[in-house]
ModelCIF file with pLDDT and N, C-alpha, C, O atoms, coordinates in Angstrom:
data_MODEL
#
_entry.id   MODEL 
#
_entity.id                         1 
_entity.type                       polymer 
_entity.pdbx_number_of_molecules   1 
#
_entity_poly.entity_id                      1 
_entity_poly.type                           'polypeptide(L)' 
_entity_poly.nstd_linkage                   no 
_entity_poly.nstd_monomer                   no 
_entity_poly.pdbx_seq_one_letter_code       
;(UNK)(UNK)(UNK)(UNK)(UNK)(UNK)(UNK)(UNK)(UNK)(UNK)(UNK)(UNK)(UNK)(UNK)(UNK)(UNK)
(UNK)(UNK)(UNK)(UNK)(UNK)(UNK)(UNK)(UNK)(UNK)(UNK)(UNK)(UNK)(UNK)(UNK)(UNK)(UNK)
(UNK)(UNK)(UNK)(UNK)(UNK)(UNK)(UNK)(UNK)(UNK)(UNK)(UNK)(UNK)(UNK)(UNK)(UNK)
;
_entity_poly.pdbx_seq_one_letter_code_can   XXXXXXXXXXXXXXXXXXXXXXXXXXXXXXXXXXXXXXXXXXXXXXX 
_entity_poly.pdbx_strand_id                 A 
#
loop_
_entity_poly_seq.entity_id 
_entity_poly_seq.num 
_entity_poly_seq.mon_id 
_entity_poly_seq.hetero 
1 1  UNK n 
1 2  UNK n 
1 3  UNK n 
1 4  UNK n 
1 5  UNK n 
1 6  UNK n 
1 7  UNK n 
1 8  UNK n 
1 9  UNK n 
1 10 UNK n 
1 11 UNK n 
1 12 UNK n 
1 13 UNK n 
1 14 UNK n 
1 15 UNK n 
1 16 UNK n 
1 17 UNK n 
1 18 UNK n 
1 19 UNK n 
1 20 UNK n 
1 21 UNK n 
1 22 UNK n 
1 23 UNK n 
1 24 UNK n 
1 25 UNK n 
1 26 UNK n 
1 27 UNK n 
1 28 UNK n 
1 29 UNK n 
1 30 UNK n 
1 31 UNK n 
1 32 UNK n 
1 33 UNK n 
1 34 UNK n 
1 35 UNK n 
1 36 UNK n 
1 37 UNK n 
1 38 UNK n 
1 39 UNK n 
1 40 UNK n 
1 41 UNK n 
1 42 UNK n 
1 43 UNK n 
1 44 UNK n 
1 45 UNK n 
1 46 UNK n 
1 47 UNK n 
#
_struct_asym.id          A 
_struct_asym.entity_id   1 
#
loop_
_ma_qa_metric.id 
_ma_qa_metric.mode 
_ma_qa_metric.name 
_ma_qa_metric.software_group_id 
_ma_qa_metric.type 
1 global pLDDT . pLDDT 
2 local  pLDDT . pLDDT 
#
_ma_qa_metric_global.metric_id      1 
_ma_qa_metric_global.metric_value   90.47 
_ma_qa_metric_global.model_id       1 
_ma_qa_metric_global.ordinal_id     1 
#
loop_
_ma_qa_metric_local.label_asym_id 
_ma_qa_metric_local.label_comp_id 
_ma_qa_metric_local.label_seq_id 
_ma_qa_metric_local.metric_id 
_ma_qa_metric_local.metric_value 
_ma_qa_metric_local.model_id 
_ma_qa_metric_local.ordinal_id 
A UNK 1  2 96.00 1 1  
A UNK 2  2 89.00 1 2  
A UNK 3  2 95.00 1 3  
A UNK 4  2 97.00 1 4  
A UNK 5  2 97.00 1 5  
A UNK 6  2 97.00 1 6  
A UNK 7  2 97.00 1 7  
A UNK 8  2 97.00 1 8  
A UNK 9  2 95.00 1 9  
A UNK 10 2 92.00 1 10 
A UNK 11 2 88.00 1 11 
A UNK 12 2 79.00 1 12 
A UNK 13 2 77.00 1 13 
A UNK 14 2 72.00 1 14 
A UNK 15 2 66.00 1 15 
A UNK 16 2 67.00 1 16 
A UNK 17 2 70.00 1 17 
A UNK 18 2 66.00 1 18 
A UNK 19 2 70.00 1 19 
A UNK 20 2 79.00 1 20 
A UNK 21 2 78.00 1 21 
A UNK 22 2 87.00 1 22 
A UNK 23 2 90.00 1 23 
A UNK 24 2 93.00 1 24 
A UNK 25 2 95.00 1 25 
A UNK 26 2 95.00 1 26 
A UNK 27 2 95.00 1 27 
A UNK 28 2 97.00 1 28 
A UNK 29 2 97.00 1 29 
A UNK 30 2 96.00 1 30 
A UNK 31 2 97.00 1 31 
A UNK 32 2 98.00 1 32 
A UNK 33 2 97.00 1 33 
A UNK 34 2 97.00 1 34 
A UNK 35 2 97.00 1 35 
A UNK 36 2 97.00 1 36 
A UNK 37 2 97.00 1 37 
A UNK 38 2 96.00 1 38 
A UNK 39 2 95.00 1 39 
A UNK 40 2 94.00 1 40 
A UNK 41 2 92.00 1 41 
A UNK 42 2 97.00 1 42 
A UNK 43 2 97.00 1 43 
A UNK 44 2 98.00 1 44 
A UNK 45 2 98.00 1 45 
A UNK 46 2 98.00 1 46 
A UNK 47 2 98.00 1 47 
#
loop_
_atom_site.group_PDB 
_atom_site.id 
_atom_site.type_symbol 
_atom_site.label_atom_id 
_atom_site.label_alt_id 
_atom_site.label_comp_id 
_atom_site.label_asym_id 
_atom_site.label_entity_id 
_atom_site.label_seq_id 
_atom_site.pdbx_PDB_ins_code 
_atom_site.Cartn_x 
_atom_site.Cartn_y 
_atom_site.Cartn_z 
_atom_site.occupancy 
_atom_site.B_iso_or_equiv 
_atom_site.pdbx_formal_charge 
_atom_site.auth_seq_id 
_atom_site.auth_comp_id 
_atom_site.auth_asym_id 
_atom_site.auth_atom_id 
_atom_site.pdbx_PDB_model_num 
ATOM 1   N N  . UNK A 1 1  ? -23.622 -27.953 -16.365 1.00 96.00 ? 1  UNK A N  1 
ATOM 2   C CA . UNK A 1 1  ? -23.363 -27.593 -14.970 1.00 96.00 ? 1  UNK A CA 1 
ATOM 3   C C  . UNK A 1 1  ? -23.249 -26.074 -14.777 1.00 96.00 ? 1  UNK A C  1 
ATOM 4   O O  . UNK A 1 1  ? -22.525 -25.614 -13.894 1.00 96.00 ? 1  UNK A O  1 
ATOM 5   N N  . UNK A 1 2  ? -23.957 -25.304 -15.595 1.00 89.00 ? 2  UNK A N  1 
ATOM 6   C CA . UNK A 1 2  ? -23.850 -23.845 -15.513 1.00 89.00 ? 2  UNK A CA 1 
ATOM 7   C C  . UNK A 1 2  ? -24.185 -23.333 -14.125 1.00 89.00 ? 2  UNK A C  1 
ATOM 8   O O  . UNK A 1 2  ? -23.515 -22.431 -13.621 1.00 89.00 ? 2  UNK A O  1 
ATOM 9   N N  . UNK A 1 3  ? -25.214 -23.893 -13.495 1.00 95.00 ? 3  UNK A N  1 
ATOM 10  C CA . UNK A 1 3  ? -25.664 -23.428 -12.178 1.00 95.00 ? 3  UNK A CA 1 
ATOM 11  C C  . UNK A 1 3  ? -24.733 -23.859 -11.052 1.00 95.00 ? 3  UNK A C  1 
ATOM 12  O O  . UNK A 1 3  ? -24.968 -23.526 -9.891  1.00 95.00 ? 3  UNK A O  1 
ATOM 13  N N  . UNK A 1 4  ? -23.686 -24.592 -11.384 1.00 97.00 ? 4  UNK A N  1 
ATOM 14  C CA . UNK A 1 4  ? -22.757 -25.074 -10.366 1.00 97.00 ? 4  UNK A CA 1 
ATOM 15  C C  . UNK A 1 4  ? -21.517 -24.177 -10.244 1.00 97.00 ? 4  UNK A C  1 
ATOM 16  O O  . UNK A 1 4  ? -20.587 -24.492 -9.503  1.00 97.00 ? 4  UNK A O  1 
ATOM 17  N N  . UNK A 1 5  ? -21.517 -23.062 -10.978 1.00 97.00 ? 5  UNK A N  1 
ATOM 18  C CA . UNK A 1 5  ? -20.394 -22.121 -10.934 1.00 97.00 ? 5  UNK A CA 1 
ATOM 19  C C  . UNK A 1 5  ? -20.823 -20.859 -10.192 1.00 97.00 ? 5  UNK A C  1 
ATOM 20  O O  . UNK A 1 5  ? -21.816 -20.226 -10.552 1.00 97.00 ? 5  UNK A O  1 
ATOM 21  N N  . UNK A 1 6  ? -20.076 -20.501 -9.166  1.00 97.00 ? 6  UNK A N  1 
ATOM 22  C CA . UNK A 1 6  ? -20.334 -19.284 -8.398  1.00 97.00 ? 6  UNK A CA 1 
ATOM 23  C C  . UNK A 1 6  ? -19.238 -18.268 -8.704  1.00 97.00 ? 6  UNK A C  1 
ATOM 24  O O  . UNK A 1 6  ? -18.054 -18.559 -8.537  1.00 97.00 ? 6  UNK A O  1 
ATOM 25  N N  . UNK A 1 7  ? -19.634 -17.069 -9.155  1.00 97.00 ? 7  UNK A N  1 
ATOM 26  C CA . UNK A 1 7  ? -18.680 -16.003 -9.448  1.00 97.00 ? 7  UNK A CA 1 
ATOM 27  C C  . UNK A 1 7  ? -18.630 -15.058 -8.253  1.00 97.00 ? 7  UNK A C  1 
ATOM 28  O O  . UNK A 1 7  ? -19.658 -14.538 -7.819  1.00 97.00 ? 7  UNK A O  1 
ATOM 29  N N  . UNK A 1 8  ? -17.435 -14.842 -7.727  1.00 97.00 ? 8  UNK A N  1 
ATOM 30  C CA . UNK A 1 8  ? -17.247 -13.960 -6.577  1.00 97.00 ? 8  UNK A CA 1 
ATOM 31  C C  . UNK A 1 8  ? -16.258 -12.874 -6.970  1.00 97.00 ? 8  UNK A C  1 
ATOM 32  O O  . UNK A 1 8  ? -15.071 -13.144 -7.152  1.00 97.00 ? 8  UNK A O  1 
ATOM 33  N N  . UNK A 1 9  ? -16.758 -11.622 -7.104  1.00 95.00 ? 9  UNK A N  1 
ATOM 34  C CA . UNK A 1 9  ? -15.919 -10.509 -7.549  1.00 95.00 ? 9  UNK A CA 1 
ATOM 35  C C  . UNK A 1 9  ? -15.680 -9.526  -6.414  1.00 95.00 ? 9  UNK A C  1 
ATOM 36  O O  . UNK A 1 9  ? -16.540 -9.325  -5.556  1.00 95.00 ? 9  UNK A O  1 
ATOM 37  N N  . UNK A 1 10 ? -14.504 -8.919  -6.421  1.00 92.00 ? 10 UNK A N  1 
ATOM 38  C CA . UNK A 1 10 ? -14.189 -7.884  -5.441  1.00 92.00 ? 10 UNK A CA 1 
ATOM 39  C C  . UNK A 1 10 ? -15.013 -6.636  -5.737  1.00 92.00 ? 10 UNK A C  1 
ATOM 40  O O  . UNK A 1 10 ? -15.481 -6.445  -6.859  1.00 92.00 ? 10 UNK A O  1 
ATOM 41  N N  . UNK A 1 11 ? -15.186 -5.802  -4.742  1.00 88.00 ? 11 UNK A N  1 
ATOM 42  C CA . UNK A 1 11 ? -15.949 -4.566  -4.890  1.00 88.00 ? 11 UNK A CA 1 
ATOM 43  C C  . UNK A 1 11 ? -15.248 -3.618  -5.856  1.00 88.00 ? 11 UNK A C  1 
ATOM 44  O O  . UNK A 1 11 ? -14.019 -3.561  -5.898  1.00 88.00 ? 11 UNK A O  1 
ATOM 45  N N  . UNK A 1 12 ? -16.044 -2.866  -6.639  1.00 79.00 ? 12 UNK A N  1 
ATOM 46  C CA . UNK A 1 12 ? -15.489 -1.943  -7.629  1.00 79.00 ? 12 UNK A CA 1 
ATOM 47  C C  . UNK A 1 12 ? -14.566 -0.908  -7.007  1.00 79.00 ? 12 UNK A C  1 
ATOM 48  O O  . UNK A 1 12 ? -13.681 -0.376  -7.678  1.00 79.00 ? 12 UNK A O  1 
ATOM 49  N N  . UNK A 1 13 ? -14.768 -0.620  -5.728  1.00 77.00 ? 13 UNK A N  1 
ATOM 50  C CA . UNK A 1 13 ? -13.945 0.364   -5.040  1.00 77.00 ? 13 UNK A CA 1 
ATOM 51  C C  . UNK A 1 13 ? -12.466 -0.037  -5.065  1.00 77.00 ? 13 UNK A C  1 
ATOM 52  O O  . UNK A 1 13 ? -11.588 0.823   -4.999  1.00 77.00 ? 13 UNK A O  1 
ATOM 53  N N  . UNK A 1 14 ? -12.197 -1.324  -5.160  1.00 72.00 ? 14 UNK A N  1 
ATOM 54  C CA . UNK A 1 14 ? -10.816 -1.799  -5.157  1.00 72.00 ? 14 UNK A CA 1 
ATOM 55  C C  . UNK A 1 14 ? -10.029 -1.280  -6.361  1.00 72.00 ? 14 UNK A C  1 
ATOM 56  O O  . UNK A 1 14 ? -8.822  -1.061  -6.262  1.00 72.00 ? 14 UNK A O  1 
ATOM 57  N N  . UNK A 1 15 ? -10.704 -1.083  -7.496  1.00 66.00 ? 15 UNK A N  1 
ATOM 58  C CA . UNK A 1 15 ? -10.025 -0.582  -8.686  1.00 66.00 ? 15 UNK A CA 1 
ATOM 59  C C  . UNK A 1 15 ? -9.786  0.921   -8.633  1.00 66.00 ? 15 UNK A C  1 
ATOM 60  O O  . UNK A 1 15 ? -9.042  1.462   -9.452  1.00 66.00 ? 15 UNK A O  1 
ATOM 61  N N  . UNK A 1 16 ? -10.413 1.599   -7.672  1.00 67.00 ? 16 UNK A N  1 
ATOM 62  C CA . UNK A 1 16 ? -10.216 3.035   -7.549  1.00 67.00 ? 16 UNK A CA 1 
ATOM 63  C C  . UNK A 1 16 ? -9.123  3.383   -6.539  1.00 67.00 ? 16 UNK A C  1 
ATOM 64  O O  . UNK A 1 16 ? -8.774  4.549   -6.360  1.00 67.00 ? 16 UNK A O  1 
ATOM 65  N N  . UNK A 1 17 ? -8.590  2.348   -5.882  1.00 70.00 ? 17 UNK A N  1 
ATOM 66  C CA . UNK A 1 17 ? -7.500  2.564   -4.937  1.00 70.00 ? 17 UNK A CA 1 
ATOM 67  C C  . UNK A 1 17 ? -6.160  2.321   -5.625  1.00 70.00 ? 17 UNK A C  1 
ATOM 68  O O  . UNK A 1 17 ? -6.057  1.504   -6.540  1.00 70.00 ? 17 UNK A O  1 
ATOM 69  N N  . UNK A 1 18 ? -5.149  3.035   -5.178  1.00 66.00 ? 18 UNK A N  1 
ATOM 70  C CA . UNK A 1 18 ? -3.815  2.768   -5.699  1.00 66.00 ? 18 UNK A CA 1 
ATOM 71  C C  . UNK A 1 18 ? -3.393  1.368   -5.280  1.00 66.00 ? 18 UNK A C  1 
ATOM 72  O O  . UNK A 1 18 ? -3.350  1.066   -4.088  1.00 66.00 ? 18 UNK A O  1 
ATOM 73  N N  . UNK A 1 19 ? -3.078  0.498   -6.258  1.00 70.00 ? 19 UNK A N  1 
ATOM 74  C CA . UNK A 1 19 ? -2.746  -0.885  -5.908  1.00 70.00 ? 19 UNK A CA 1 
ATOM 75  C C  . UNK A 1 19 ? -1.447  -0.989  -5.118  1.00 70.00 ? 19 UNK A C  1 
ATOM 76  O O  . UNK A 1 19 ? -0.517  -0.205  -5.306  1.00 70.00 ? 19 UNK A O  1 
ATOM 77  N N  . UNK A 1 20 ? -1.412  -1.979  -4.229  1.00 79.00 ? 20 UNK A N  1 
ATOM 78  C CA . UNK A 1 20 ? -0.198  -2.295  -3.480  1.00 79.00 ? 20 UNK A CA 1 
ATOM 79  C C  . UNK A 1 20 ? 0.352   -3.613  -4.010  1.00 79.00 ? 20 UNK A C  1 
ATOM 80  O O  . UNK A 1 20 ? -0.293  -4.294  -4.809  1.00 79.00 ? 20 UNK A O  1 
ATOM 81  N N  . UNK A 1 21 ? 1.537   -3.958  -3.560  1.00 78.00 ? 21 UNK A N  1 
ATOM 82  C CA . UNK A 1 21 ? 2.150   -5.204  -4.014  1.00 78.00 ? 21 UNK A CA 1 
ATOM 83  C C  . UNK A 1 21 ? 1.281   -6.418  -3.690  1.00 78.00 ? 21 UNK A C  1 
ATOM 84  O O  . UNK A 1 21 ? 1.292   -7.412  -4.416  1.00 78.00 ? 21 UNK A O  1 
ATOM 85  N N  . UNK A 1 22 ? 0.524   -6.325  -2.586  1.00 87.00 ? 22 UNK A N  1 
ATOM 86  C CA . UNK A 1 22 ? -0.269  -7.473  -2.149  1.00 87.00 ? 22 UNK A CA 1 
ATOM 87  C C  . UNK A 1 22 ? -1.763  -7.317  -2.423  1.00 87.00 ? 22 UNK A C  1 
ATOM 88  O O  . UNK A 1 22 ? -2.567  -8.072  -1.878  1.00 87.00 ? 22 UNK A O  1 
ATOM 89  N N  . UNK A 1 23 ? -2.150  -6.350  -3.259  1.00 90.00 ? 23 UNK A N  1 
ATOM 90  C CA . UNK A 1 23 ? -3.584  -6.083  -3.480  1.00 90.00 ? 23 UNK A CA 1 
ATOM 91  C C  . UNK A 1 23 ? -4.333  -7.290  -4.015  1.00 90.00 ? 23 UNK A C  1 
ATOM 92  O O  . UNK A 1 23 ? -5.387  -7.643  -3.486  1.00 90.00 ? 23 UNK A O  1 
ATOM 93  N N  . UNK A 1 24 ? -3.810  -7.929  -5.053  1.00 93.00 ? 24 UNK A N  1 
ATOM 94  C CA . UNK A 1 24 ? -4.510  -9.066  -5.651  1.00 93.00 ? 24 UNK A CA 1 
ATOM 95  C C  . UNK A 1 24 ? -4.493  -10.272 -4.723  1.00 93.00 ? 24 UNK A C  1 
ATOM 96  O O  . UNK A 1 24 ? -5.472  -11.013 -4.633  1.00 93.00 ? 24 UNK A O  1 
ATOM 97  N N  . UNK A 1 25 ? -3.365  -10.464 -4.030  1.00 95.00 ? 25 UNK A N  1 
ATOM 98  C CA . UNK A 1 25 ? -3.288  -11.541 -3.046  1.00 95.00 ? 25 UNK A CA 1 
ATOM 99  C C  . UNK A 1 25 ? -4.358  -11.354 -1.968  1.00 95.00 ? 25 UNK A C  1 
ATOM 100 O O  . UNK A 1 25 ? -5.057  -12.303 -1.614  1.00 95.00 ? 25 UNK A O  1 
ATOM 101 N N  . UNK A 1 26 ? -4.486  -10.125 -1.444  1.00 95.00 ? 26 UNK A N  1 
ATOM 102 C CA . UNK A 1 26 ? -5.470  -9.856  -0.389  1.00 95.00 ? 26 UNK A CA 1 
ATOM 103 C C  . UNK A 1 26 ? -6.899  -10.036 -0.892  1.00 95.00 ? 26 UNK A C  1 
ATOM 104 O O  . UNK A 1 26 ? -7.767  -10.504 -0.155  1.00 95.00 ? 26 UNK A O  1 
ATOM 105 N N  . UNK A 1 27 ? -7.144  -9.663  -2.153  1.00 95.00 ? 27 UNK A N  1 
ATOM 106 C CA . UNK A 1 27 ? -8.484  -9.881  -2.715  1.00 95.00 ? 27 UNK A CA 1 
ATOM 107 C C  . UNK A 1 27 ? -8.804  -11.373 -2.748  1.00 95.00 ? 27 UNK A C  1 
ATOM 108 O O  . UNK A 1 27 ? -9.902  -11.785 -2.375  1.00 95.00 ? 27 UNK A O  1 
ATOM 109 N N  . UNK A 1 28 ? -7.848  -12.176 -3.191  1.00 97.00 ? 28 UNK A N  1 
ATOM 110 C CA . UNK A 1 28 ? -8.067  -13.619 -3.242  1.00 97.00 ? 28 UNK A CA 1 
ATOM 111 C C  . UNK A 1 28 ? -8.309  -14.200 -1.862  1.00 97.00 ? 28 UNK A C  1 
ATOM 112 O O  . UNK A 1 28 ? -9.185  -15.046 -1.677  1.00 97.00 ? 28 UNK A O  1 
ATOM 113 N N  . UNK A 1 29 ? -7.524  -13.739 -0.889  1.00 97.00 ? 29 UNK A N  1 
ATOM 114 C CA . UNK A 1 29 ? -7.671  -14.217 0.491   1.00 97.00 ? 29 UNK A CA 1 
ATOM 115 C C  . UNK A 1 29 ? -9.028  -13.816 1.057   1.00 97.00 ? 29 UNK A C  1 
ATOM 116 O O  . UNK A 1 29 ? -9.721  -14.641 1.652   1.00 97.00 ? 29 UNK A O  1 
ATOM 117 N N  . UNK A 1 30 ? -9.410  -12.548 0.874   1.00 96.00 ? 30 UNK A N  1 
ATOM 118 C CA . UNK A 1 30 ? -10.663 -12.047 1.446   1.00 96.00 ? 30 UNK A CA 1 
ATOM 119 C C  . UNK A 1 30 ? -11.886 -12.705 0.814   1.00 96.00 ? 30 UNK A C  1 
ATOM 120 O O  . UNK A 1 30 ? -12.810 -13.113 1.519   1.00 96.00 ? 30 UNK A O  1 
ATOM 121 N N  . UNK A 1 31 ? -11.893 -12.809 -0.521  1.00 97.00 ? 31 UNK A N  1 
ATOM 122 C CA . UNK A 1 31 ? -13.052 -13.396 -1.204  1.00 97.00 ? 31 UNK A CA 1 
ATOM 123 C C  . UNK A 1 31 ? -13.236 -14.856 -0.817  1.00 97.00 ? 31 UNK A C  1 
ATOM 124 O O  . UNK A 1 31 ? -14.367 -15.302 -0.625  1.00 97.00 ? 31 UNK A O  1 
ATOM 125 N N  . UNK A 1 32 ? -12.157 -15.604 -0.699  1.00 98.00 ? 32 UNK A N  1 
ATOM 126 C CA . UNK A 1 32 ? -12.250 -17.017 -0.316  1.00 98.00 ? 32 UNK A CA 1 
ATOM 127 C C  . UNK A 1 32 ? -12.710 -17.150 1.134   1.00 98.00 ? 32 UNK A C  1 
ATOM 128 O O  . UNK A 1 32 ? -13.520 -18.020 1.455   1.00 98.00 ? 32 UNK A O  1 
ATOM 129 N N  . UNK A 1 33 ? -12.194 -16.291 2.006   1.00 97.00 ? 33 UNK A N  1 
ATOM 130 C CA . UNK A 1 33 ? -12.619 -16.301 3.410   1.00 97.00 ? 33 UNK A CA 1 
ATOM 131 C C  . UNK A 1 33 ? -14.111 -16.027 3.528   1.00 97.00 ? 33 UNK A C  1 
ATOM 132 O O  . UNK A 1 33 ? -14.807 -16.674 4.311   1.00 97.00 ? 33 UNK A O  1 
ATOM 133 N N  . UNK A 1 34 ? -14.601 -15.069 2.750   1.00 97.00 ? 34 UNK A N  1 
ATOM 134 C CA . UNK A 1 34 ? -16.039 -14.746 2.772   1.00 97.00 ? 34 UNK A CA 1 
ATOM 135 C C  . UNK A 1 34 ? -16.868 -15.944 2.327   1.00 97.00 ? 34 UNK A C  1 
ATOM 136 O O  . UNK A 1 34 ? -17.906 -16.235 2.922   1.00 97.00 ? 34 UNK A O  1 
ATOM 137 N N  . UNK A 1 35 ? -16.424 -16.635 1.294   1.00 97.00 ? 35 UNK A N  1 
ATOM 138 C CA . UNK A 1 35 ? -17.149 -17.815 0.809   1.00 97.00 ? 35 UNK A CA 1 
ATOM 139 C C  . UNK A 1 35 ? -17.228 -18.892 1.891   1.00 97.00 ? 35 UNK A C  1 
ATOM 140 O O  . UNK A 1 35 ? -18.270 -19.520 2.076   1.00 97.00 ? 35 UNK A O  1 
ATOM 141 N N  . UNK A 1 36 ? -16.130 -19.098 2.596   1.00 97.00 ? 36 UNK A N  1 
ATOM 142 C CA . UNK A 1 36 ? -16.111 -20.096 3.665   1.00 97.00 ? 36 UNK A CA 1 
ATOM 143 C C  . UNK A 1 36 ? -17.019 -19.684 4.818   1.00 97.00 ? 36 UNK A C  1 
ATOM 144 O O  . UNK A 1 36 ? -17.748 -20.510 5.367   1.00 97.00 ? 36 UNK A O  1 
ATOM 145 N N  . UNK A 1 37 ? -16.974 -18.404 5.183   1.00 97.00 ? 37 UNK A N  1 
ATOM 146 C CA . UNK A 1 37 ? -17.812 -17.913 6.281   1.00 97.00 ? 37 UNK A CA 1 
ATOM 147 C C  . UNK A 1 37 ? -19.295 -17.991 5.945   1.00 97.00 ? 37 UNK A C  1 
ATOM 148 O O  . UNK A 1 37 ? -20.135 -18.153 6.831   1.00 97.00 ? 37 UNK A O  1 
ATOM 149 N N  . UNK A 1 38 ? -19.613 -17.874 4.648   1.00 96.00 ? 38 UNK A N  1 
ATOM 150 C CA . UNK A 1 38 ? -21.008 -17.967 4.205   1.00 96.00 ? 38 UNK A CA 1 
ATOM 151 C C  . UNK A 1 38 ? -21.473 -19.415 4.080   1.00 96.00 ? 38 UNK A C  1 
ATOM 152 O O  . UNK A 1 38 ? -22.633 -19.678 3.766   1.00 96.00 ? 38 UNK A O  1 
ATOM 153 N N  . UNK A 1 39 ? -20.559 -20.350 4.328   1.00 95.00 ? 39 UNK A N  1 
ATOM 154 C CA . UNK A 1 39 ? -20.923 -21.763 4.287   1.00 95.00 ? 39 UNK A CA 1 
ATOM 155 C C  . UNK A 1 39 ? -21.070 -22.332 2.893   1.00 95.00 ? 39 UNK A C  1 
ATOM 156 O O  . UNK A 1 39 ? -21.708 -23.370 2.714   1.00 95.00 ? 39 UNK A O  1 
ATOM 157 N N  . UNK A 1 40 ? -20.483 -21.662 1.883   1.00 94.00 ? 40 UNK A N  1 
ATOM 158 C CA . UNK A 1 40 ? -20.573 -22.171 0.514   1.00 94.00 ? 40 UNK A CA 1 
ATOM 159 C C  . UNK A 1 40 ? -19.792 -23.477 0.384   1.00 94.00 ? 40 UNK A C  1 
ATOM 160 O O  . UNK A 1 40 ? -18.713 -23.625 0.956   1.00 94.00 ? 40 UNK A O  1 
ATOM 161 N N  . UNK A 1 41 ? -20.342 -24.410 -0.365  1.00 92.00 ? 41 UNK A N  1 
ATOM 162 C CA . UNK A 1 41 ? -19.701 -25.699 -0.582  1.00 92.00 ? 41 UNK A CA 1 
ATOM 163 C C  . UNK A 1 41 ? -19.133 -25.748 -1.996  1.00 92.00 ? 41 UNK A C  1 
ATOM 164 O O  . UNK A 1 41 ? -19.839 -25.497 -2.973  1.00 92.00 ? 41 UNK A O  1 
ATOM 165 N N  . UNK A 1 42 ? -17.874 -26.070 -2.087  1.00 97.00 ? 42 UNK A N  1 
ATOM 166 C CA . UNK A 1 42 ? -17.216 -26.149 -3.393  1.00 97.00 ? 42 UNK A CA 1 
ATOM 167 C C  . UNK A 1 42 ? -15.995 -27.046 -3.261  1.00 97.00 ? 42 UNK A C  1 
ATOM 168 O O  . UNK A 1 42 ? -15.429 -27.207 -2.180  1.00 97.00 ? 42 UNK A O  1 
ATOM 169 N N  . UNK A 1 43 ? -15.608 -27.620 -4.380  1.00 97.00 ? 43 UNK A N  1 
ATOM 170 C CA . UNK A 1 43 ? -14.431 -28.497 -4.366  1.00 97.00 ? 43 UNK A CA 1 
ATOM 171 C C  . UNK A 1 43 ? -13.257 -27.891 -5.126  1.00 97.00 ? 43 UNK A C  1 
ATOM 172 O O  . UNK A 1 43 ? -12.172 -28.473 -5.167  1.00 97.00 ? 43 UNK A O  1 
ATOM 173 N N  . UNK A 1 44 ? -13.474 -26.719 -5.730  1.00 98.00 ? 44 UNK A N  1 
ATOM 174 C CA . UNK A 1 44 ? -12.376 -26.086 -6.461  1.00 98.00 ? 44 UNK A CA 1 
ATOM 175 C C  . UNK A 1 44 ? -12.562 -24.576 -6.512  1.00 98.00 ? 44 UNK A C  1 
ATOM 176 O O  . UNK A 1 44 ? -13.683 -24.068 -6.542  1.00 98.00 ? 44 UNK A O  1 
ATOM 177 N N  . UNK A 1 45 ? -11.422 -23.866 -6.521  1.00 98.00 ? 45 UNK A N  1 
ATOM 178 C CA . UNK A 1 45 ? -11.406 -22.411 -6.668  1.00 98.00 ? 45 UNK A CA 1 
ATOM 179 C C  . UNK A 1 45 ? -10.549 -22.071 -7.884  1.00 98.00 ? 45 UNK A C  1 
ATOM 180 O O  . UNK A 1 45 ? -9.423  -22.551 -8.015  1.00 98.00 ? 45 UNK A O  1 
ATOM 181 N N  . UNK A 1 46 ? -11.090 -21.241 -8.770  1.00 98.00 ? 46 UNK A N  1 
ATOM 182 C CA . UNK A 1 46 ? -10.328 -20.726 -9.909  1.00 98.00 ? 46 UNK A CA 1 
ATOM 183 C C  . UNK A 1 46 ? -10.078 -19.244 -9.678  1.00 98.00 ? 46 UNK A C  1 
ATOM 184 O O  . UNK A 1 46 ? -11.013 -18.488 -9.416  1.00 98.00 ? 46 UNK A O  1 
ATOM 185 N N  . UNK A 1 47 ? -8.828  -18.827 -9.774  1.00 98.00 ? 47 UNK A N  1 
ATOM 186 C CA . UNK A 1 47 ? -8.477  -17.426 -9.598  1.00 98.00 ? 47 UNK A CA 1 
ATOM 187 C C  . UNK A 1 47 ? -8.271  -16.745 -10.938 1.00 98.00 ? 47 UNK A C  1 
ATOM 188 O O  . UNK A 1 47 ? -7.968  -15.553 -10.984 1.00 98.00 ? 47 UNK A O  1 
#
C-alpha cells in the first residue's frame, strides 16, 4: 500500500522562524485543513 500514503510537510520557512508555544500545533492544524480543502480522502492522520 505504498501509494496509499500521502506525506504533507510544512514549508521550510517554518524552521527559520523563532518557534512559539503553539508552532507545532498550528502546523498540524494548517496542514490538515489544507488536505481537507483539497478534497483529499483519508481515514487516518499520523502526526
